[in-house]
Amino acid sequence: MRRIKKLYQIGELMEYSKFSRQMLNHYTEIGLIKPRKYSSAGHRLYNEEVFARLSKIAKLKQKGYTLKEIESLLNRRGKSN
């Protein structure tokens, strides 16, 4: 039997990740995080993998990386996996 994975709306991401709606929207707009799909009402829905990505973003920001640098690092890591 196939397991159905939960998808999260932006409000749930805010609650669990402690990022503001504005930051999550910005990260989506610039491509740092990507919705898995859209609801019938047009709401962005994210899978569980976004939490690990947000954690990496937070750690890199804390170390002083710019968003452009973070994007480059995350994209490079994604290609090497």
Protein backbone atom coordinates (compact mmCIF):
# COMPACT_ATOMS: atom_id res chain seq x y z
CA MET A 1 0.00 0.00 0.00
CA ARG A 2 1.33 3.41 -0.96
CA ARG A 3 1.80 5.94 1.83
CA ILE A 4 0.22 9.32 1.23
CA LYS A 5 2.60 12.07 2.21
CA LYS A 6 1.25 15.16 3.89
CA LEU A 7 1.43 18.45 2.05
CA TYR A 8 1.74 21.70 3.97
CA GLN A 9 0.25 25.11 3.30
CA ILE A 10 2.24 28.26 4.00
CA GLY A 11 0.58 28.77 7.40
CA GLU A 12 1.78 25.36 8.55
CA LEU A 13 5.28 26.10 7.29
CA MET A 14 5.24 29.30 9.31
CA GLU A 15 4.15 27.45 12.43
CA TYR A 16 6.67 24.61 12.19
CA SER A 17 9.65 26.48 10.72
CA LYS A 18 9.35 29.84 12.52
CA PHE A 19 9.94 31.69 9.22
CA SER A 20 7.55 34.54 8.49
CA ARG A 21 5.01 34.38 5.68
CA GLN A 22 6.91 37.17 3.95
CA MET A 23 10.20 35.24 4.02
CA LEU A 24 8.58 32.00 2.87
CA ASN A 25 6.89 33.83 -0.01
CA HIS A 26 10.19 35.48 -0.91
CA TYR A 27 12.08 32.18 -0.81
CA THR A 28 9.41 30.69 -3.09
CA GLU A 29 9.56 33.63 -5.49
CA ILE A 30 13.35 33.40 -5.85
CA GLY A 31 13.30 29.60 -6.10
CA LEU A 32 14.98 28.63 -2.82
CA ILE A 33 11.94 26.52 -1.95
CA LYS A 34 9.44 25.10 -4.39
CA PRO A 35 5.87 23.99 -3.86
CA ARG A 36 5.23 20.34 -4.60
CA LYS A 37 1.91 21.26 -6.18
CA TYR A 38 -1.00 23.68 -5.98
CA SER A 39 -4.42 23.12 -4.45
CA SER A 40 -7.57 23.55 -6.52
CA ALA A 41 -7.87 27.00 -4.92
CA GLY A 42 -4.35 27.90 -6.06
CA HIS A 43 -2.65 27.57 -2.67
CA ARG A 44 0.95 26.42 -2.72
CA LEU A 45 1.47 23.03 -1.11
CA TYR A 46 4.89 21.94 0.12
CA ASN A 47 6.10 18.45 1.01
CA GLU A 48 8.07 17.44 4.10
CA GLU A 49 11.41 17.89 2.33
CA VAL A 50 10.99 21.67 2.50
CA PHE A 51 11.67 21.58 6.26
CA ALA A 52 15.18 20.18 5.77
CA ARG A 53 15.82 22.77 3.06
CA LEU A 54 14.60 25.60 5.32
CA SER A 55 16.88 24.33 8.07
CA LYS A 56 19.86 24.44 5.69
CA ILE A 57 18.90 27.95 4.57
CA ALA A 58 18.70 29.14 8.19
CA LYS A 59 22.11 27.65 9.05
CA LEU A 60 23.77 29.16 6.00
CA LYS A 61 22.20 32.57 6.67
CA GLN A 62 23.47 32.38 10.24
CA LYS A 63 26.96 31.78 8.86
CA GLY A 64 26.68 34.95 6.79
CA TYR A 65 25.94 33.59 3.33
CA THR A 66 23.79 35.72 1.00
CA LEU A 67 20.63 34.27 -0.51
CA LYS A 68 22.37 34.13 -3.91
CA GLU A 69 25.23 32.14 -2.37
CA ILE A 70 22.79 29.86 -0.55
CA GLU A 71 20.94 29.21 -3.80
CA SER A 72 24.19 28.30 -5.52
CA LEU A 73 25.28 26.00 -2.67
CA LEU A 74 21.93 24.21 -2.45
CA ASN A 75 21.72 23.73 -6.21
CA ARG A 76 25.24 22.33 -6.31
CA ARG A 77 24.45 19.88 -3.50
CA GLY A 78 21.28 18.80 -5.25
CA LYS A 79 23.18 17.95 -8.42
CA SER A 80 25.82 15.93 -6.57
CA ASN A 81 23.25 13.69 -4.83
